Amino acid sequence: MSERSIVDIAGWIGMVVILAAYGMVSAKRMEGDSLRYQVLNIIGAGLLTYNSYYFHAYPSVVVNLVWVIIGSYTMAHKGLKGRHR
């Protein structure tokens, strides 16, 4: 498998993970301040950062890095309710 294919797959997985997390919060199946939501956002944004960097889409790199930083900050400093719904 080529490097480009791996990067493409990573980007698609990242997009699915972020949209799934957002959809679950919107449907009230998961809390927006839960550990699971933050982890899904960090993973998804990390994969999208990798994809965006590879394709030199620097505005997307920045927004996804900020997404990772926000999720990491929330987990480390704000505490989480621990709900997994």
Protein backbone atom coordinates (compact mmCIF):
# COMPACT_ATOMS: atom_id res chain seq x y z
CA MET A 1 0.00 0.00 0.00
CA SER A 2 1.38 3.41 -0.92
CA GLU A 3 2.06 6.19 1.56
CA ARG A 4 -0.60 8.33 -0.12
CA SER A 5 -3.20 5.57 0.35
CA ILE A 6 -2.35 5.32 4.05
CA VAL A 7 -2.67 9.09 4.45
CA ASP A 8 -6.00 9.08 2.58
CA ILE A 9 -7.35 6.29 4.78
CA ALA A 10 -6.19 8.11 7.92
CA GLY A 11 -8.02 11.25 6.78
CA TRP A 12 -11.24 9.39 6.07
CA ILE A 13 -11.11 7.59 9.41
CA GLY A 14 -10.44 10.88 11.21
CA MET A 15 -13.43 12.49 9.50
CA VAL A 16 -15.72 9.58 10.40
CA VAL A 17 -14.56 9.58 14.04
CA ILE A 18 -15.16 13.33 14.49
CA LEU A 19 -18.55 13.25 12.78
CA ALA A 20 -19.62 10.18 14.74
CA ALA A 21 -18.66 11.86 18.03
CA TYR A 22 -20.52 15.04 17.06
CA GLY A 23 -23.55 13.06 15.93
CA MET A 24 -23.65 11.11 19.18
CA VAL A 25 -23.50 14.30 21.24
CA SER A 26 -26.19 15.91 19.08
CA ALA A 27 -28.39 12.83 19.51
CA LYS A 28 -27.76 12.92 23.28
CA ARG A 29 -26.15 9.46 23.21
CA MET A 30 -22.91 10.88 24.62
CA GLU A 31 -22.08 13.89 26.79
CA GLY A 32 -19.96 16.65 25.28
CA ASP A 33 -17.74 16.73 28.35
CA SER A 34 -17.25 12.97 28.59
CA LEU A 35 -13.89 11.26 28.34
CA ARG A 36 -15.09 9.25 25.34
CA TYR A 37 -16.08 12.39 23.41
CA GLN A 38 -12.76 14.11 24.08
CA VAL A 39 -10.75 11.01 23.13
CA LEU A 40 -12.69 10.59 19.88
CA ASN A 41 -12.11 14.23 18.99
CA ILE A 42 -8.39 14.00 19.75
CA ILE A 43 -8.01 10.84 17.65
CA GLY A 44 -10.07 12.18 14.77
CA ALA A 45 -8.34 15.55 14.72
CA GLY A 46 -4.93 13.89 14.98
CA LEU A 47 -5.65 11.75 11.92
CA LEU A 48 -6.97 14.77 10.01
CA THR A 49 -3.87 16.76 11.00
CA TYR A 50 -1.67 14.02 9.55
CA ASN A 51 -3.69 13.99 6.34
CA SER A 52 -3.79 17.77 6.02
CA TYR A 53 -0.07 18.17 6.65
CA TYR A 54 0.76 15.56 4.02
CA PHE A 55 -1.29 17.43 1.43
CA HIS A 56 0.02 20.86 2.53
CA ALA A 57 -3.44 22.02 3.63
CA TYR A 58 -2.05 24.20 6.39
CA PRO A 59 -5.27 25.96 7.45
CA SER A 60 -6.73 22.50 8.15
CA VAL A 61 -3.56 21.51 9.99
CA VAL A 62 -3.96 24.51 12.29
CA VAL A 63 -7.67 24.00 12.99
CA ASN A 64 -7.15 20.31 13.76
CA LEU A 65 -4.15 20.98 15.99
CA VAL A 66 -6.26 23.48 17.91
CA TRP A 67 -8.98 20.79 18.14
CA VAL A 68 -6.42 18.38 19.65
CA ILE A 69 -5.17 21.05 22.08
CA ILE A 70 -8.70 21.91 23.24
CA GLY A 71 -9.54 18.24 23.84
CA SER A 72 -6.26 17.61 25.62
CA TYR A 73 -6.66 20.72 27.78
CA THR A 74 -10.19 19.72 28.71
CA MET A 75 -9.07 16.25 29.73
CA ALA A 76 -6.04 17.45 31.68
CA HIS A 77 -7.28 20.60 33.41
CA LYS A 78 -11.02 20.76 33.57
CA GLY A 79 -11.83 17.25 34.67
CA LEU A 80 -14.51 15.15 33.10
CA LYS A 81 -17.82 13.92 34.39
CA GLY A 82 -16.87 10.40 33.39
CA ARG A 83 -20.18 9.74 31.69
CA HIS A 84 -19.93 7.24 28.85
CA ARG A 85 -23.46 7.52 27.45
